[in-house]
Amino acid sequence: MDAGAIILIASLAIIILLFSLLRRRGGPKKYPEVVQYLIWDIKLNQALAASFAAREKVKYFEENGWLLNKQKIGFLSESTKDMLKELFGLVEEYNKIIKDSRKNKDTAYRAINLTHFQELLGKCRNELEDWMLKNTGNKEYQQKSPSLTGFFLGDN
């Protein structure tokens, strides 16, 4: 290889690196994605709560979307944020009870009263779906597949 080819390859690598580092991340374009992750957690928790008493082996409630996105919900209304904080506080509390119950090999988790939890799940889901409908025109976020240029340079 001659020096010109090395300089060309190095220049292209630097340009690609700069584009990938300087492209915008997050912001308003990511809001529907954040809301969708929360909706997925809530839907799964609704299904788990509905079958909670009938399950022989109880499962933990889902909170991964919340844990990943709880710092990014500043764009939601205060009442929605408060409801989400209360909801996922209950999830954390119930998961601790379930964990302790598994550890002690008892059925203490059966004493969990899910009435308020299920109501809160419904309210949060409605609030988030209304937000999605208002801001995207859909209750579900339709994720786009990244193009080759979008992968390297970003489609934000």
Protein backbone atom coordinates (compact mmCIF):
# COMPACT_ATOMS: atom_id res chain seq x y z
CA MET A 1 0.00 0.00 0.00
CA ASP A 2 1.18 3.45 -0.76
CA ALA A 3 0.95 6.48 1.50
CA GLY A 4 -2.02 7.96 -0.41
CA ALA A 5 -4.21 4.90 0.26
CA ILE A 6 -3.34 4.93 3.95
CA ILE A 7 -4.19 8.63 4.23
CA LEU A 8 -7.50 8.05 2.41
CA ILE A 9 -8.49 5.15 4.68
CA ALA A 10 -7.47 7.07 7.81
CA SER A 11 -9.44 10.14 6.64
CA LEU A 12 -12.58 8.08 6.01
CA ALA A 13 -12.25 6.39 9.39
CA ILE A 14 -11.93 9.78 11.12
CA ILE A 15 -14.95 11.19 9.23
CA ILE A 16 -17.12 8.19 10.13
CA LEU A 17 -15.99 8.41 13.75
CA LEU A 18 -16.80 12.13 13.93
CA PHE A 19 -20.25 11.65 12.38
CA SER A 20 -21.10 8.86 14.80
CA LEU A 21 -19.91 10.89 17.80
CA LEU A 22 -21.55 14.16 16.80
CA ARG A 23 -24.97 12.90 15.76
CA ARG A 24 -27.86 13.78 18.04
CA ARG A 25 -28.95 11.11 20.47
CA GLY A 26 -32.15 11.10 22.45
CA GLY A 27 -34.37 14.13 22.55
CA PRO A 28 -37.98 14.38 21.41
CA LYS A 29 -37.55 11.77 18.69
CA LYS A 30 -36.81 9.17 21.38
CA TYR A 31 -39.87 9.96 23.53
CA PRO A 32 -42.21 7.46 21.81
CA GLU A 33 -39.59 4.76 22.26
CA VAL A 34 -39.34 5.50 26.00
CA VAL A 35 -43.12 5.42 26.36
CA GLN A 36 -43.33 2.16 24.41
CA TYR A 37 -40.87 0.44 26.76
CA LEU A 38 -43.01 1.51 29.72
CA ILE A 39 -46.18 0.28 28.00
CA TRP A 40 -44.55 -3.11 27.37
CA ASP A 41 -43.66 -3.42 31.06
CA ILE A 42 -47.20 -2.47 32.04
CA LYS A 43 -48.83 -4.90 29.61
CA LEU A 44 -46.68 -7.75 30.85
CA ASN A 45 -47.40 -6.83 34.47
CA GLN A 46 -51.13 -6.77 33.74
CA ALA A 47 -50.90 -10.31 32.39
CA LEU A 48 -48.80 -11.44 35.36
CA ALA A 49 -51.19 -9.81 37.84
CA ALA A 50 -54.23 -11.42 36.16
CA SER A 51 -52.72 -14.89 36.52
CA PHE A 52 -50.93 -14.26 39.83
CA ALA A 53 -53.26 -16.29 42.09
CA ALA A 54 -53.54 -19.18 39.63
CA ARG A 55 -49.80 -19.67 39.12
CA GLU A 56 -48.07 -22.44 40.96
CA LYS A 57 -44.64 -20.89 40.38
CA VAL A 58 -44.93 -17.14 40.69
CA LYS A 59 -42.93 -14.89 38.39
CA TYR A 60 -41.33 -11.54 39.10
CA PHE A 61 -43.06 -8.44 37.82
CA GLU A 62 -41.34 -6.66 34.94
CA GLU A 63 -39.43 -3.42 35.51
CA ASN A 64 -36.59 -3.42 32.97
CA GLY A 65 -38.15 -0.71 30.77
CA TRP A 66 -38.65 1.43 33.86
CA LEU A 67 -35.11 0.91 35.14
CA LEU A 68 -33.68 1.87 31.75
CA ASN A 69 -35.91 4.89 31.18
CA LYS A 70 -36.92 6.35 34.55
CA GLN A 71 -34.45 9.21 34.12
CA LYS A 72 -35.91 10.05 30.70
CA ILE A 73 -39.59 10.68 31.58
CA GLY A 74 -39.32 14.42 32.18
CA PHE A 75 -41.51 15.13 29.15
CA LEU A 76 -44.56 13.41 30.70
CA SER A 77 -47.09 15.23 32.89
CA GLU A 78 -46.44 15.38 36.63
CA SER A 79 -49.47 13.19 37.42
CA THR A 80 -48.29 10.52 34.98
CA LYS A 81 -44.76 10.61 36.40
CA ASP A 82 -46.13 10.28 39.94
CA MET A 83 -48.34 7.34 38.95
CA LEU A 84 -45.42 5.60 37.24
CA LYS A 85 -43.19 6.13 40.28
CA GLU A 86 -45.87 4.69 42.56
CA LEU A 87 -46.53 1.77 40.20
CA PHE A 88 -42.91 0.74 39.84
CA GLY A 89 -42.36 1.28 43.56
CA LEU A 90 -45.02 -1.37 44.10
CA VAL A 91 -43.34 -3.60 41.50
CA GLU A 92 -40.06 -3.32 43.41
CA GLU A 93 -41.81 -4.05 46.72
CA TYR A 94 -43.70 -7.06 45.33
CA ASN A 95 -40.59 -8.46 43.66
CA LYS A 96 -38.76 -8.24 47.00
CA ILE A 97 -41.59 -10.16 48.70
CA ILE A 98 -41.50 -12.78 45.94
CA LYS A 99 -37.70 -13.07 46.19
CA ASP A 100 -37.82 -13.47 49.97
CA SER A 101 -40.63 -15.98 49.65
CA ARG A 102 -38.62 -18.05 47.16
CA LYS A 103 -35.56 -17.85 49.38
CA ASN A 104 -37.53 -19.04 52.43
CA LYS A 105 -39.50 -21.56 50.34
CA ASP A 106 -42.83 -20.35 51.68
CA THR A 107 -45.99 -18.86 50.20
CA ALA A 108 -45.87 -15.42 51.82
CA TYR A 109 -46.24 -13.85 48.36
CA ARG A 110 -49.86 -15.11 48.29
CA ALA A 111 -50.73 -12.38 50.83
CA ILE A 112 -50.02 -9.64 48.26
CA ASN A 113 -53.21 -7.70 47.49
CA LEU A 114 -53.09 -6.71 43.82
CA THR A 115 -56.32 -4.67 43.65
CA HIS A 116 -54.70 -1.22 43.85
CA PHE A 117 -51.80 -2.45 41.71
CA GLN A 118 -54.13 -3.57 38.89
CA GLU A 119 -56.02 -0.26 39.00
CA LEU A 120 -52.74 1.64 38.81
CA LEU A 121 -51.58 -0.53 35.89
CA GLY A 122 -54.78 0.34 34.00
CA LYS A 123 -54.49 4.06 34.70
CA CYS A 124 -50.81 4.21 33.69
CA ARG A 125 -51.44 2.22 30.54
CA ASN A 126 -54.31 4.51 29.53
CA GLU A 127 -52.24 7.64 30.20
CA LEU A 128 -49.28 6.36 28.19
CA GLU A 129 -51.42 5.08 25.31
CA ASP A 130 -53.21 8.44 25.20
CA TRP A 131 -49.81 10.17 25.05
CA MET A 132 -48.74 7.89 22.19
CA LEU A 133 -52.00 8.48 20.32
CA LYS A 134 -51.70 12.24 20.71
CA ASN A 135 -48.02 12.41 19.72
CA THR A 136 -47.65 9.63 17.14
CA GLY A 137 -51.19 8.95 15.97
CA ASN A 138 -50.86 5.34 17.11
CA LYS A 139 -51.10 3.48 20.43
CA GLU A 140 -48.07 1.39 19.48
CA TYR A 141 -44.73 2.84 18.45
CA GLN A 142 -43.76 1.65 14.99
CA GLN A 143 -40.00 1.29 15.12
CA LYS A 144 -38.16 1.88 11.89
CA SER A 145 -35.46 -0.47 10.73
CA PRO A 146 -32.20 1.41 10.43
CA SER A 147 -30.80 1.95 6.97
CA LEU A 148 -27.12 1.43 6.27
CA THR A 149 -26.46 5.18 6.33
CA GLY A 150 -28.65 5.50 9.42
CA PHE A 151 -26.60 2.84 11.14
CA PHE A 152 -23.33 4.72 10.53
CA LEU A 153 -24.45 8.35 10.43
CA GLY A 154 -27.73 8.35 12.35
CA ASP A 155 -31.21 9.17 11.12
CA ASN A 156 -32.05 11.48 14.00
